[in-house]
Amino acid sequence: RTCYDINYYHLDVKFDIANKFISGSNLFKFTATQDFKKL
């Protein structure tokens, strides 16, 4: 978790209220605080 600093999100979600269902995406933009391959 500490290997990256989160800079920006774009959360894009659709609410299907009748079915209490959601679907969508989230864009993560980040800066690496150290060398890493896994987060």
Full PDB file with SEQRES, HELIX, SHEET, SSBOND, CRYST1, ORIGX, SCALE, CONECT and MASTER records, all heavy atoms in Angstrom:
SEQRES   1 A   39  ARG THR CYS TYR ASP ILE ASN TYR TYR HIS LEU ASP VAL          
SEQRES   2 A   39  LYS PHE ASP ILE ALA ASN LYS PHE ILE SER GLY SER ASN          
SEQRES   3 A   39  LEU PHE LYS PHE THR ALA THR GLN ASP PHE LYS LYS LEU          
SHEET    1 AA1 2 TYR A   4  ASP A  16  0                                        
SHEET    2 AA1 2 PHE A  21  ALA A  32 -1                                        
CRYST1    1.000    1.000    1.000  90.00  90.00  90.00 P 1           1          
ORIGX1      1.000000  0.000000  0.000000        0.00000                         
ORIGX2      0.000000  1.000000  0.000000        0.00000                         
ORIGX3      0.000000  0.000000  1.000000        0.00000                         
SCALE1      1.000000  0.000000  0.000000        0.00000                         
SCALE2      0.000000  1.000000  0.000000        0.00000                         
SCALE3      0.000000  0.000000  1.000000        0.00000                         
ATOM      1  N   ARG A   1       0.827  -1.211   0.000  1.00  0.00           N  
ATOM      2  CA  ARG A   1       0.000   0.000   0.000  1.00  0.00           C  
ATOM      3  C   ARG A   1       0.866   1.268   0.000  1.00  0.00           C  
ATOM      4  O   ARG A   1       0.561   2.239  -0.685  1.00  0.00           O  
ATOM      5  CB  ARG A   1      -0.929   0.008   1.215  1.00  0.00           C  
ATOM      6  CG  ARG A   1      -2.068  -0.999   1.113  1.00  0.00           C  
ATOM      7  CD  ARG A   1      -2.835  -1.071   2.409  1.00  0.00           C  
ATOM      8  NE  ARG A   1      -4.271  -1.001   2.202  1.00  0.00           N  
ATOM      9  CZ  ARG A   1      -5.164  -1.048   3.163  1.00  0.00           C  
ATOM     10  NH1 ARG A   1      -4.776  -1.135   4.416  1.00  0.00           N  
ATOM     11  NH2 ARG A   1      -6.466  -0.988   2.895  1.00  0.00           N  
ATOM     12  N   THR A   2       1.926   1.244   0.779  1.00  0.00           N  
ATOM     13  CA  THR A   2       2.771   2.441   0.874  1.00  0.00           C  
ATOM     14  C   THR A   2       3.616   2.659  -0.375  1.00  0.00           C  
ATOM     15  O   THR A   2       4.211   3.723  -0.552  1.00  0.00           O  
ATOM     16  CB  THR A   2       3.695   2.363   2.100  1.00  0.00           C  
ATOM     17  OG1 THR A   2       4.526   1.199   1.996  1.00  0.00           O  
ATOM     18  CG2 THR A   2       2.883   2.300   3.385  1.00  0.00           C  
ATOM     19  N   CYS A   3       3.671   1.663  -1.260  1.00  0.00           N  
ATOM     20  CA  CYS A   3       4.504   1.788  -2.461  1.00  0.00           C  
ATOM     21  C   CYS A   3       3.941   2.791  -3.458  1.00  0.00           C  
ATOM     22  O   CYS A   3       4.645   3.193  -4.400  1.00  0.00           O  
ATOM     23  CB  CYS A   3       4.688   0.421  -3.129  1.00  0.00           C  
ATOM     24  SG  CYS A   3       3.157  -0.301  -3.775  1.00  0.00           S  
ATOM     25  N   TYR A   4       2.687   3.202  -3.270  1.00  0.00           N  
ATOM     26  CA  TYR A   4       2.120   4.171  -4.215  1.00  0.00           C  
ATOM     27  C   TYR A   4       1.284   5.214  -3.487  1.00  0.00           C  
ATOM     28  O   TYR A   4       0.651   4.939  -2.473  1.00  0.00           O  
ATOM     29  CB  TYR A   4       1.322   3.483  -5.318  1.00  0.00           C  
ATOM     30  CG  TYR A   4      -0.010   2.861  -4.928  1.00  0.00           C  
ATOM     31  CD1 TYR A   4      -1.211   3.426  -5.337  1.00  0.00           C  
ATOM     32  CD2 TYR A   4      -0.070   1.677  -4.190  1.00  0.00           C  
ATOM     33  CE1 TYR A   4      -2.431   2.846  -5.020  1.00  0.00           C  
ATOM     34  CE2 TYR A   4      -1.277   1.080  -3.865  1.00  0.00           C  
ATOM     35  CZ  TYR A   4      -2.467   1.670  -4.279  1.00  0.00           C  
ATOM     36  OH  TYR A   4      -3.679   1.092  -3.958  1.00  0.00           O  
ATOM     37  N   ASP A   5       1.328   6.423  -4.018  1.00  0.00           N  
ATOM     38  CA  ASP A   5       0.559   7.560  -3.509  1.00  0.00           C  
ATOM     39  C   ASP A   5      -0.539   7.864  -4.524  1.00  0.00           C  
ATOM     40  O   ASP A   5      -0.255   8.142  -5.685  1.00  0.00           O  
ATOM     41  CB  ASP A   5       1.482   8.768  -3.320  1.00  0.00           C  
ATOM     42  CG  ASP A   5       0.725  10.030  -2.960  1.00  0.00           C  
ATOM     43  OD1 ASP A   5      -0.234   9.933  -2.173  1.00  0.00           O  
ATOM     44  OD2 ASP A   5       1.088  11.109  -3.467  1.00  0.00           O  
ATOM     45  N   ILE A   6      -1.789   7.798  -4.069  1.00  0.00           N  
ATOM     46  CA  ILE A   6      -2.888   7.984  -5.005  1.00  0.00           C  
ATOM     47  C   ILE A   6      -3.061   9.472  -5.317  1.00  0.00           C  
ATOM     48  O   ILE A   6      -3.079  10.319  -4.426  1.00  0.00           O  
ATOM     49  CB  ILE A   6      -4.194   7.355  -4.465  1.00  0.00           C  
ATOM     50  CG1 ILE A   6      -5.235   7.245  -5.556  1.00  0.00           C  
ATOM     51  CG2 ILE A   6      -4.720   8.085  -3.254  1.00  0.00           C  
ATOM     52  CD1 ILE A   6      -4.904   6.219  -6.611  1.00  0.00           C  
ATOM     53  N   ASN A   7      -3.136   9.796  -6.613  1.00  0.00           N  
ATOM     54  CA  ASN A   7      -3.238  11.186  -7.067  1.00  0.00           C  
ATOM     55  C   ASN A   7      -4.634  11.562  -7.561  1.00  0.00           C  
ATOM     56  O   ASN A   7      -5.078  12.688  -7.343  1.00  0.00           O  
ATOM     57  CB  ASN A   7      -2.254  11.451  -8.214  1.00  0.00           C  
ATOM     58  CG  ASN A   7      -0.820  11.115  -7.862  1.00  0.00           C  
ATOM     59  OD1 ASN A   7      -0.093  10.543  -8.661  1.00  0.00           O  
ATOM     60  ND2 ASN A   7      -0.387  11.465  -6.654  1.00  0.00           N  
ATOM     61  N   TYR A   8      -5.289  10.615  -8.236  1.00  0.00           N  
ATOM     62  CA  TYR A   8      -6.548  10.967  -8.906  1.00  0.00           C  
ATOM     63  C   TYR A   8      -7.383   9.713  -9.103  1.00  0.00           C  
ATOM     64  O   TYR A   8      -6.855   8.635  -9.401  1.00  0.00           O  
ATOM     65  CB  TYR A   8      -6.235  11.604 -10.263  1.00  0.00           C  
ATOM     66  CG  TYR A   8      -7.437  11.925 -11.122  1.00  0.00           C  
ATOM     67  CD1 TYR A   8      -8.176  13.084 -10.921  1.00  0.00           C  
ATOM     68  CD2 TYR A   8      -7.823  11.066 -12.147  1.00  0.00           C  
ATOM     69  CE1 TYR A   8      -9.279  13.381 -11.719  1.00  0.00           C  
ATOM     70  CE2 TYR A   8      -8.920  11.351 -12.954  1.00  0.00           C  
ATOM     71  CZ  TYR A   8      -9.644  12.515 -12.734  1.00  0.00           C  
ATOM     72  OH  TYR A   8     -10.727  12.796 -13.513  1.00  0.00           O  
ATOM     73  N   TYR A   9      -8.692   9.868  -8.902  1.00  0.00           N  
ATOM     74  CA  TYR A   9      -9.656   8.817  -9.256  1.00  0.00           C  
ATOM     75  C   TYR A   9     -10.660   9.388 -10.255  1.00  0.00           C  
ATOM     76  O   TYR A   9     -11.044  10.566 -10.164  1.00  0.00           O  
ATOM     77  CB  TYR A   9     -10.470   8.359  -8.043  1.00  0.00           C  
ATOM     78  CG  TYR A   9      -9.759   7.572  -6.979  1.00  0.00           C  
ATOM     79  CD1 TYR A   9      -9.879   7.955  -5.631  1.00  0.00           C  
ATOM     80  CD2 TYR A   9      -9.023   6.425  -7.267  1.00  0.00           C  
ATOM     81  CE1 TYR A   9      -9.275   7.225  -4.617  1.00  0.00           C  
ATOM     82  CE2 TYR A   9      -8.418   5.690  -6.264  1.00  0.00           C  
ATOM     83  CZ  TYR A   9      -8.545   6.098  -4.939  1.00  0.00           C  
ATOM     84  OH  TYR A   9      -7.947   5.379  -3.934  1.00  0.00           O  
ATOM     85  N   HIS A  10     -11.113   8.545 -11.165  1.00  0.00           N  
ATOM     86  CA  HIS A  10     -12.359   8.812 -11.871  1.00  0.00           C  
ATOM     87  C   HIS A  10     -13.278   7.629 -11.621  1.00  0.00           C  
ATOM     88  O   HIS A  10     -13.112   6.554 -12.220  1.00  0.00           O  
ATOM     89  CB  HIS A  10     -12.156   9.020 -13.376  1.00  0.00           C  
ATOM     90  CG  HIS A  10     -13.472   9.244 -14.090  1.00  0.00           C  
ATOM     91  ND1 HIS A  10     -13.602   9.106 -15.448  1.00  0.00           N  
ATOM     92  CD2 HIS A  10     -14.726   9.585 -13.630  1.00  0.00           C  
ATOM     93  CE1 HIS A  10     -14.865   9.343 -15.802  1.00  0.00           C  
ATOM     94  NE2 HIS A  10     -15.559   9.623 -14.705  1.00  0.00           N  
ATOM     95  N   LEU A  11     -14.226   7.834 -10.724  1.00  0.00           N  
ATOM     96  CA  LEU A  11     -15.204   6.812 -10.388  1.00  0.00           C  
ATOM     97  C   LEU A  11     -16.426   6.997 -11.278  1.00  0.00           C  
ATOM     98  O   LEU A  11     -17.018   8.079 -11.309  1.00  0.00           O  
ATOM     99  CB  LEU A  11     -15.593   6.932  -8.911  1.00  0.00           C  
ATOM    100  CG  LEU A  11     -16.701   6.001  -8.416  1.00  0.00           C  
ATOM    101  CD1 LEU A  11     -16.282   4.538  -8.525  1.00  0.00           C  
ATOM    102  CD2 LEU A  11     -17.076   6.347  -6.970  1.00  0.00           C  
ATOM    103  N   ASP A  12     -16.780   5.960 -12.018  1.00  0.00           N  
ATOM    104  CA  ASP A  12     -17.886   6.013 -12.977  1.00  0.00           C  
ATOM    105  C   ASP A  12     -18.804   4.831 -12.695  1.00  0.00           C  
ATOM    106  O   ASP A  12     -18.459   3.684 -13.007  1.00  0.00           O  
ATOM    107  CB  ASP A  12     -17.317   5.964 -14.402  1.00  0.00           C  
ATOM    108  CG  ASP A  12     -18.376   6.171 -15.474  1.00  0.00           C  
ATOM    109  OD1 ASP A  12     -19.564   6.300 -15.133  1.00  0.00           O  
ATOM    110  OD2 ASP A  12     -18.001   6.207 -16.665  1.00  0.00           O  
ATOM    111  N   VAL A  13     -19.977   5.100 -12.099  1.00  0.00           N  
ATOM    112  CA  VAL A  13     -20.837   4.018 -11.608  1.00  0.00           C  
ATOM    113  C   VAL A  13     -22.285   4.241 -12.033  1.00  0.00           C  
ATOM    114  O   VAL A  13     -22.816   5.359 -11.932  1.00  0.00           O  
ATOM    115  CB  VAL A  13     -20.788   3.914 -10.070  1.00  0.00           C  
ATOM    116  CG1 VAL A  13     -21.615   2.727  -9.585  1.00  0.00           C  
ATOM    117  CG2 VAL A  13     -19.363   3.776  -9.584  1.00  0.00           C  
ATOM    118  N   LYS A  14     -22.915   3.179 -12.469  1.00  0.00           N  
ATOM    119  CA  LYS A  14     -24.341   3.181 -12.807  1.00  0.00           C  
ATOM    120  C   LYS A  14     -25.116   2.452 -11.719  1.00  0.00           C  
ATOM    121  O   LYS A  14     -24.743   1.342 -11.319  1.00  0.00           O  
ATOM    122  CB  LYS A  14     -24.551   2.486 -14.156  1.00  0.00           C  
ATOM    123  CG  LYS A  14     -26.008   2.380 -14.586  1.00  0.00           C  
ATOM    124  CD  LYS A  14     -26.100   1.663 -15.932  1.00  0.00           C  
ATOM    125  CE  LYS A  14     -27.543   1.490 -16.380  1.00  0.00           C  
ATOM    126  NZ  LYS A  14     -27.626   0.781 -17.686  1.00  0.00           N  
ATOM    127  N   PHE A  15     -26.200   3.067 -11.240  1.00  0.00           N  
ATOM    128  CA  PHE A  15     -27.042   2.474 -10.207  1.00  0.00           C  
ATOM    129  C   PHE A  15     -28.320   1.914 -10.830  1.00  0.00           C  
ATOM    130  O   PHE A  15     -29.165   2.674 -11.317  1.00  0.00           O  
ATOM    131  CB  PHE A  15     -27.405   3.515  -9.150  1.00  0.00           C  
ATOM    132  CG  PHE A  15     -26.352   3.731  -8.103  1.00  0.00           C  
ATOM    133  CD1 PHE A  15     -25.206   4.458  -8.394  1.00  0.00           C  
ATOM    134  CD2 PHE A  15     -26.488   3.204  -6.821  1.00  0.00           C  
ATOM    135  CE1 PHE A  15     -24.228   4.671  -7.432  1.00  0.00           C  
ATOM    136  CE2 PHE A  15     -25.520   3.410  -5.854  1.00  0.00           C  
ATOM    137  CZ  PHE A  15     -24.384   4.134  -6.162  1.00  0.00           C  
ATOM    138  N   ASP A  16     -28.440   0.596 -10.830  1.00  0.00           N  
ATOM    139  CA  ASP A  16     -29.685  -0.090 -11.201  1.00  0.00           C  
ATOM    140  C   ASP A  16     -30.477  -0.248  -9.908  1.00  0.00           C  
ATOM    141  O   ASP A  16     -30.311  -1.225  -9.164  1.00  0.00           O  
ATOM    142  CB  ASP A  16     -29.360  -1.441 -11.839  1.00  0.00           C  
ATOM    143  CG  ASP A  16     -30.602  -2.242 -12.202  1.00  0.00           C  
ATOM    144  OD1 ASP A  16     -31.714  -1.831 -11.841  1.00  0.00           O  
ATOM    145  OD2 ASP A  16     -30.438  -3.308 -12.832  1.00  0.00           O  
ATOM    146  N   ILE A  17     -31.308   0.733  -9.625  1.00  0.00           N  
ATOM    147  CA  ILE A  17     -31.940   0.814  -8.308  1.00  0.00           C  
ATOM    148  C   ILE A  17     -32.911  -0.337  -8.087  1.00  0.00           C  
ATOM    149  O   ILE A  17     -32.971  -0.917  -6.992  1.00  0.00           O  
ATOM    150  CB  ILE A  17     -32.643   2.182  -8.153  1.00  0.00           C  
ATOM    151  CG1 ILE A  17     -31.593   3.304  -8.205  1.00  0.00           C  
ATOM    152  CG2 ILE A  17     -33.433   2.246  -6.850  1.00  0.00           C  
ATOM    153  CD1 ILE A  17     -32.181   4.696  -8.250  1.00  0.00           C  
ATOM    154  N   ALA A  18     -33.666  -0.706  -9.105  1.00  0.00           N  
ATOM    155  CA  ALA A  18     -34.669  -1.766  -8.945  1.00  0.00           C  
ATOM    156  C   ALA A  18     -34.033  -3.074  -8.509  1.00  0.00           C  
ATOM    157  O   ALA A  18     -34.618  -3.825  -7.710  1.00  0.00           O  
ATOM    158  CB  ALA A  18     -35.426  -1.955 -10.256  1.00  0.00           C  
ATOM    159  N   ASN A  19     -32.835  -3.342  -8.992  1.00  0.00           N  
ATOM    160  CA  ASN A  19     -32.147  -4.591  -8.649  1.00  0.00           C  
ATOM    161  C   ASN A  19     -31.057  -4.415  -7.604  1.00  0.00           C  
ATOM    162  O   ASN A  19     -30.315  -5.361  -7.322  1.00  0.00           O  
ATOM    163  CB  ASN A  19     -31.546  -5.202  -9.921  1.00  0.00           C  
ATOM    164  CG  ASN A  19     -32.606  -5.640 -10.910  1.00  0.00           C  
ATOM    165  OD1 ASN A  19     -33.472  -6.445 -10.571  1.00  0.00           O  
ATOM    166  ND2 ASN A  19     -32.570  -5.088 -12.119  1.00  0.00           N  
ATOM    167  N   LYS A  20     -30.956  -3.191  -7.071  1.00  0.00           N  
ATOM    168  CA  LYS A  20     -29.924  -2.881  -6.071  1.00  0.00           C  
ATOM    169  C   LYS A  20     -28.547  -3.322  -6.558  1.00  0.00           C  
ATOM    170  O   LYS A  20     -27.743  -3.893  -5.817  1.00  0.00           O  
ATOM    171  CB  LYS A  20     -30.263  -3.522  -4.715  1.00  0.00           C  
ATOM    172  CG  LYS A  20     -31.582  -3.028  -4.143  1.00  0.00           C  
ATOM    173  CD  LYS A  20     -31.918  -3.665  -2.805  1.00  0.00           C  
ATOM    174  CE  LYS A  20     -33.251  -3.125  -2.287  1.00  0.00           C  
ATOM    175  NZ  LYS A  20     -33.649  -3.754  -1.008  1.00  0.00           N  
ATOM    176  N   PHE A  21     -28.300  -2.999  -7.813  1.00  0.00           N  
ATOM    177  CA  PHE A  21     -27.103  -3.472  -8.514  1.00  0.00           C  
ATOM    178  C   PHE A  21     -26.337  -2.262  -9.044  1.00  0.00           C  
ATOM    179  O   PHE A  21     -26.930  -1.287  -9.510  1.00  0.00           O  
ATOM    180  CB  PHE A  21     -27.537  -4.369  -9.678  1.00  0.00           C  
ATOM    181  CG  PHE A  21     -26.407  -4.996 -10.460  1.00  0.00           C  
ATOM    182  CD1 PHE A  21     -25.823  -6.178 -10.022  1.00  0.00           C  
ATOM    183  CD2 PHE A  21     -25.942  -4.408 -11.636  1.00  0.00           C  
ATOM    184  CE1 PHE A  21     -24.791  -6.765 -10.754  1.00  0.00           C  
ATOM    185  CE2 PHE A  21     -24.921  -4.992 -12.374  1.00  0.00           C  
ATOM    186  CZ  PHE A  21     -24.343  -6.170 -11.921  1.00  0.00           C  
ATOM    187  N   ILE A  22     -25.017  -2.326  -8.953  1.00  0.00           N  
ATOM    188  CA  ILE A  22     -24.186  -1.266  -9.507  1.00  0.00           C  
ATOM    189  C   ILE A  22     -23.159  -1.860 -10.459  1.00  0.00           C  
ATOM    190  O   ILE A  22     -22.766  -3.028 -10.323  1.00  0.00           O  
ATOM    191  CB  ILE A  22     -23.474  -0.434  -8.415  1.00  0.00           C  
ATOM    192  CG1 ILE A  22     -22.513  -1.297  -7.599  1.00  0.00           C  
ATOM    193  CG2 ILE A  22     -24.493   0.276  -7.516  1.00  0.00           C  
ATOM    194  CD1 ILE A  22     -21.686  -0.496  -6.578  1.00  0.00           C  
ATOM    195  N   SER A  23     -22.714  -1.062 -11.425  1.00  0.00           N  
ATOM    196  CA  SER A  23     -21.660  -1.504 -12.340  1.00  0.00           C  
ATOM    197  C   SER A  23     -20.902  -0.280 -12.815  1.00  0.00           C  
ATOM    198  O   SER A  23     -21.468   0.810 -12.944  1.00  0.00           O  
ATOM    199  CB  SER A  23     -22.252  -2.249 -13.538  1.00  0.00           C  
ATOM    200  OG  SER A  23     -23.180  -1.425 -14.227  1.00  0.00           O  
ATOM    201  N   GLY A  24     -19.624  -0.463 -13.036  1.00  0.00           N  
ATOM    202  CA  GLY A  24     -18.834   0.677 -13.489  1.00  0.00           C  
ATOM    203  C   GLY A  24     -17.353   0.442 -13.373  1.00  0.00           C  
ATOM    204  O   GLY A  24     -16.870  -0.702 -13.447  1.00  0.00           O  
ATOM    205  N   SER A  25     -16.618   1.528 -13.174  1.00  0.00           N  
ATOM    206  CA  SER A  25     -15.163   1.445 -13.156  1.00  0.00           C  
ATOM    207  C   SER A  25     -14.585   2.546 -12.286  1.00  0.00           C  
ATOM    208  O   SER A  25     -15.253   3.532 -11.962  1.00  0.00           O  
ATOM    209  CB  SER A  25     -14.611   1.587 -14.584  1.00  0.00           C  
ATOM    210  OG  SER A  25     -14.924   2.870 -15.115  1.00  0.00           O  
ATOM    211  N   ASN A  26     -13.326   2.375 -11.918  1.00  0.00           N  
ATOM    212  CA  ASN A  26     -12.572   3.437 -11.253  1.00  0.00           C  
ATOM    213  C   ASN A  26     -11.165   3.474 -11.814  1.00  0.00           C  
ATOM    214  O   ASN A  26     -10.460   2.460 -11.844  1.00  0.00           O  
ATOM    215  CB  ASN A  26     -12.526   3.237  -9.738  1.00  0.00           C  
ATOM    216  CG  ASN A  26     -11.973   4.451  -9.023  1.00  0.00           C  
ATOM    217  OD1 ASN A  26     -12.123   5.574  -9.503  1.00  0.00           O  
ATOM    218  ND2 ASN A  26     -11.326   4.249  -7.899  1.00  0.00           N  
ATOM    219  N   LEU A  27     -10.774   4.646 -12.286  1.00  0.00           N  
ATOM    220  CA  LEU A  27      -9.421   4.891 -12.770  1.00  0.00           C  
ATOM    221  C   LEU A  27      -8.543   5.321 -11.600  1.00  0.00           C  
ATOM    222  O   LEU A  27      -8.895   6.248 -10.866  1.00  0.00           O  
ATOM    223  CB  LEU A  27      -9.445   5.990 -13.839  1.00  0.00           C  
ATOM    224  CG  LEU A  27      -8.101   6.599 -14.251  1.00  0.00           C  
ATOM    225  CD1 LEU A  27      -7.229   5.570 -14.961  1.00  0.00           C  
ATOM    226  CD2 LEU A  27      -8.323   7.829 -15.123  1.00  0.00           C  
ATOM    227  N   PHE A  28      -7.430   4.632 -11.412  1.00  0.00           N  
ATOM    228  CA  PHE A  28      -6.436   4.979 -10.398  1.00  0.00           C  
ATOM    229  C   PHE A  28      -5.252   5.651 -11.091  1.00  0.00           C  
ATOM    230  O   PHE A  28      -4.618   5.046 -11.959  1.00  0.00           O  
ATOM    231  CB  PHE A  28      -5.878   3.725  -9.712  1.00  0.00           C  
ATOM    232  CG  PHE A  28      -6.812   2.966  -8.818  1.00  0.00           C  
ATOM    233  CD1 PHE A  28      -7.979   2.368  -9.308  1.00  0.00           C  
ATOM    234  CD2 PHE A  28      -6.511   2.799  -7.470  1.00  0.00           C  
ATOM    235  CE1 PHE A  28      -8.806   1.624  -8.486  1.00  0.00           C  
ATOM    236  CE2 PHE A  28      -7.333   2.062  -6.634  1.00  0.00           C  
ATOM    237  CZ  PHE A  28      -8.485   1.480  -7.142  1.00  0.00           C  
ATOM    238  N   LYS A  29      -4.925   6.888 -10.705  1.00  0.00           N  
ATOM    239  CA  LYS A  29      -3.673   7.514 -11.128  1.00  0.00           C  
ATOM    240  C   LYS A  29      -2.813   7.690  -9.886  1.00  0.00           C  
ATOM    241  O   LYS A  29      -3.296   8.194  -8.868  1.00  0.00           O  
ATOM    242  CB  LYS A  29      -3.928   8.866 -11.801  1.00  0.00           C  
ATOM    243  CG  LYS A  29      -4.601   8.752 -13.162  1.00  0.00           C  
ATOM    244  CD  LYS A  29      -4.644  10.105 -13.875  1.00  0.00           C  
ATOM    245  CE  LYS A  29      -5.204   9.972 -15.278  1.00  0.00           C  
ATOM    246  NZ  LYS A  29      -5.186  11.259 -16.021  1.00  0.00           N  
ATOM    247  N   PHE A  30      -1.540   7.289  -9.984  1.00  0.00           N  
ATOM    248  CA  PHE A  30      -0.710   7.252  -8.785  1.00  0.00           C  
ATOM    249  C   PHE A  30       0.731   7.630  -9.098  1.00  0.00           C  
ATOM    250  O   PHE A  30       1.156   7.645 -10.257  1.00  0.00           O  
ATOM    251  CB  PHE A  30      -0.755   5.863  -8.143  1.00  0.00           C  
ATOM    252  CG  PHE A  30      -0.184   4.761  -9.002  1.00  0.00           C  
ATOM    253  CD1 PHE A  30       1.182   4.442  -8.945  1.00  0.00           C  
ATOM    254  CD2 PHE A  30      -0.991   4.030  -9.872  1.00  0.00           C  
ATOM    255  CE1 PHE A  30       1.715   3.441  -9.737  1.00  0.00           C  
ATOM    256  CE2 PHE A  30      -0.467   3.016 -10.664  1.00  0.00           C  
ATOM    257  CZ  PHE A  30       0.888   2.726 -10.593  1.00  0.00           C  
ATOM    258  N   THR A  31       1.469   7.926  -8.022  1.00  0.00           N  
ATOM    259  CA  THR A  31       2.915   8.133  -8.090  1.00  0.00           C  
ATOM    260  C   THR A  31       3.594   7.059  -7.264  1.00  0.00           C  
ATOM    261  O   THR A  31       3.202   6.823  -6.101  1.00  0.00           O  
ATOM    262  CB  THR A  31       3.309   9.524  -7.549  1.00  0.00           C  
ATOM    263  OG1 THR A  31       2.640  10.526  -8.304  1.00  0.00           O  
ATOM    264  CG2 THR A  31       4.811   9.739  -7.636  1.00  0.00           C  
ATOM    265  N   ALA A  32       4.586   6.407  -7.815  1.00  0.00           N  
ATOM    266  CA  ALA A  32       5.322   5.359  -7.094  1.00  0.00           C  
ATOM    267  C   ALA A  32       6.223   6.000  -6.038  1.00  0.00           C  
ATOM    268  O   ALA A  32       6.994   6.912  -6.345  1.00  0.00           O  
ATOM    269  CB  ALA A  32       6.143   4.524  -8.057  1.00  0.00           C  
ATOM    270  N   THR A  33       6.137   5.539  -4.815  1.00  0.00           N  
ATOM    271  CA  THR A  33       7.003   6.039  -3.743  1.00  0.00           C  
ATOM    272  C   THR A  33       8.255   5.192  -3.587  1.00  0.00           C  
ATOM    273  O   THR A  33       9.167   5.542  -2.828  1.00  0.00           O  
ATOM    274  CB  THR A  33       6.242   6.068  -2.411  1.00  0.00           C  
ATOM    275  OG1 THR A  33       5.827   4.731  -2.085  1.00  0.00           O  
ATOM    276  CG2 THR A  33       5.017   6.966  -2.498  1.00  0.00           C  
ATOM    277  N   GLN A  34       8.297   4.063  -4.290  1.00  0.00           N  
ATOM    278  CA  GLN A  34       9.463   3.178  -4.297  1.00  0.00           C  
ATOM    279  C   GLN A  34       9.354   2.301  -5.539  1.00  0.00           C  
ATOM    280  O   GLN A  34       8.315   2.271  -6.198  1.00  0.00           O  
ATOM    281  CB  GLN A  34       9.504   2.322  -3.030  1.00  0.00           C  
ATOM    282  CG  GLN A  34       8.309   1.374  -2.916  1.00  0.00           C  
ATOM    283  CD  GLN A  34       8.243   0.663  -1.581  1.00  0.00           C  
ATOM    284  OE1 GLN A  34       8.103   1.294  -0.547  1.00  0.00           O  
ATOM    285  NE2 GLN A  34       8.351  -0.653  -1.612  1.00  0.00           N  
ATOM    286  N   ASP A  35      10.392   1.591  -5.887  1.00  0.00           N  
ATOM    287  CA  ASP A  35      10.311   0.609  -6.968  1.00  0.00           C  
ATOM    288  C   ASP A  35       9.401  -0.538  -6.521  1.00  0.00           C  
ATOM    289  O   ASP A  35       9.539  -1.046  -5.398  1.00  0.00           O  
ATOM    290  CB  ASP A  35      11.685   0.047  -7.300  1.00  0.00           C  
ATOM    291  CG  ASP A  35      12.607   1.071  -7.944  1.00  0.00           C  
ATOM    292  OD1 ASP A  35      12.127   2.165  -8.297  1.00  0.00           O  
ATOM    293  OD2 ASP A  35      13.815   0.775  -8.074  1.00  0.00           O  
ATOM    294  N   PHE A  36       8.473  -0.966  -7.391  1.00  0.00           N  
ATOM    295  CA  PHE A  36       7.621  -2.107  -7.022  1.00  0.00           C  
ATOM    296  C   PHE A  36       7.012  -2.719  -8.276  1.00  0.00           C  
ATOM    297  O   PHE A  36       6.955  -2.100  -9.348  1.00  0.00           O  
ATOM    298  CB  PHE A  36       6.517  -1.676  -6.047  1.00  0.00           C  
ATOM    299  CG  PHE A  36       5.423  -0.838  -6.672  1.00  0.00           C  
ATOM    300  CD1 PHE A  36       4.288  -1.431  -7.208  1.00  0.00           C  
ATOM    301  CD2 PHE A  36       5.523   0.547  -6.717  1.00  0.00           C  
ATOM    302  CE1 PHE A  36       3.285  -0.665  -7.784  1.00  0.00           C  
ATOM    303  CE2 PHE A  36       4.523   1.322  -7.283  1.00  0.00           C  
ATOM    304  CZ  PHE A  36       3.401   0.706  -7.828  1.00  0.00           C  
ATOM    305  N   LYS A  37       6.522  -3.950  -8.131  1.00  0.00           N  
ATOM    306  CA  LYS A  37       5.786  -4.620  -9.199  1.00  0.00           C  
ATOM    307  C   LYS A  37       4.364  -4.991  -8.773  1.00  0.00           C  
ATOM    308  O   LYS A  37       3.513  -5.231  -9.624  1.00  0.00           O  
ATOM    309  CB  LYS A  37       6.517  -5.892  -9.650  1.00  0.00           C  
ATOM    310  CG  LYS A  37       7.791  -5.635 -10.437  1.00  0.00           C  
ATOM    311  CD  LYS A  37       8.315  -6.925 -11.072  1.00  0.00           C  
ATOM    312  CE  LYS A  37       7.427  -7.404 -12.206  1.00  0.00           C  
ATOM    313  NZ  LYS A  37       7.997  -8.572 -12.928  1.00  0.00           N  
ATOM    314  N   LYS A  38       4.123  -5.043  -7.466  1.00  0.00           N  
ATOM    315  CA  LYS A  38       2.837  -5.516  -6.961  1.00  0.00           C  
ATOM    316  C   LYS A  38       2.264  -4.492  -5.987  1.00  0.00           C  
ATOM    317  O   LYS A  38       2.992  -3.885  -5.192  1.00  0.00           O  
ATOM    318  CB  LYS A  38       3.029  -6.867  -6.258  1.00  0.00           C  
ATOM    319  CG  LYS A  38       1.751  -7.534  -5.763  1.00  0.00           C  
ATOM    320  CD  LYS A  38       2.084  -8.902  -5.152  1.00  0.00           C  
ATOM    321  CE  LYS A  38       0.819  -9.616  -4.673  1.00  0.00           C  
ATOM    322  NZ  LYS A  38       1.145 -10.943  -4.065  1.00  0.00           N  
ATOM    323  N   LEU A  39       0.924  -4.290  -6.041  1.00  0.00           N  
ATOM    324  CA  LEU A  39       0.270  -3.399  -5.089  1.00  0.00           C  
ATOM    325  C   LEU A  39      -1.072  -3.973  -4.648  1.00  0.00           C  
ATOM    326  O   LEU A  39      -1.590  -4.930  -5.237  1.00  0.00           O  
ATOM    327  CB  LEU A  39       0.107  -1.991  -5.674  1.00  0.00           C  
ATOM    328  CG  LEU A  39      -0.764  -1.747  -6.907  1.00  0.00           C  
ATOM    329  CD1 LEU A  39      -2.264  -1.866  -6.643  1.00  0.00           C  
ATOM    330  CD2 LEU A  39      -0.476  -0.360  -7.477  1.00  0.00           C  
TER     331      LEU A  39                                                      
MASTER        0    0    0    0    2    0    0    6  330    1    0    3          
END                                                                             
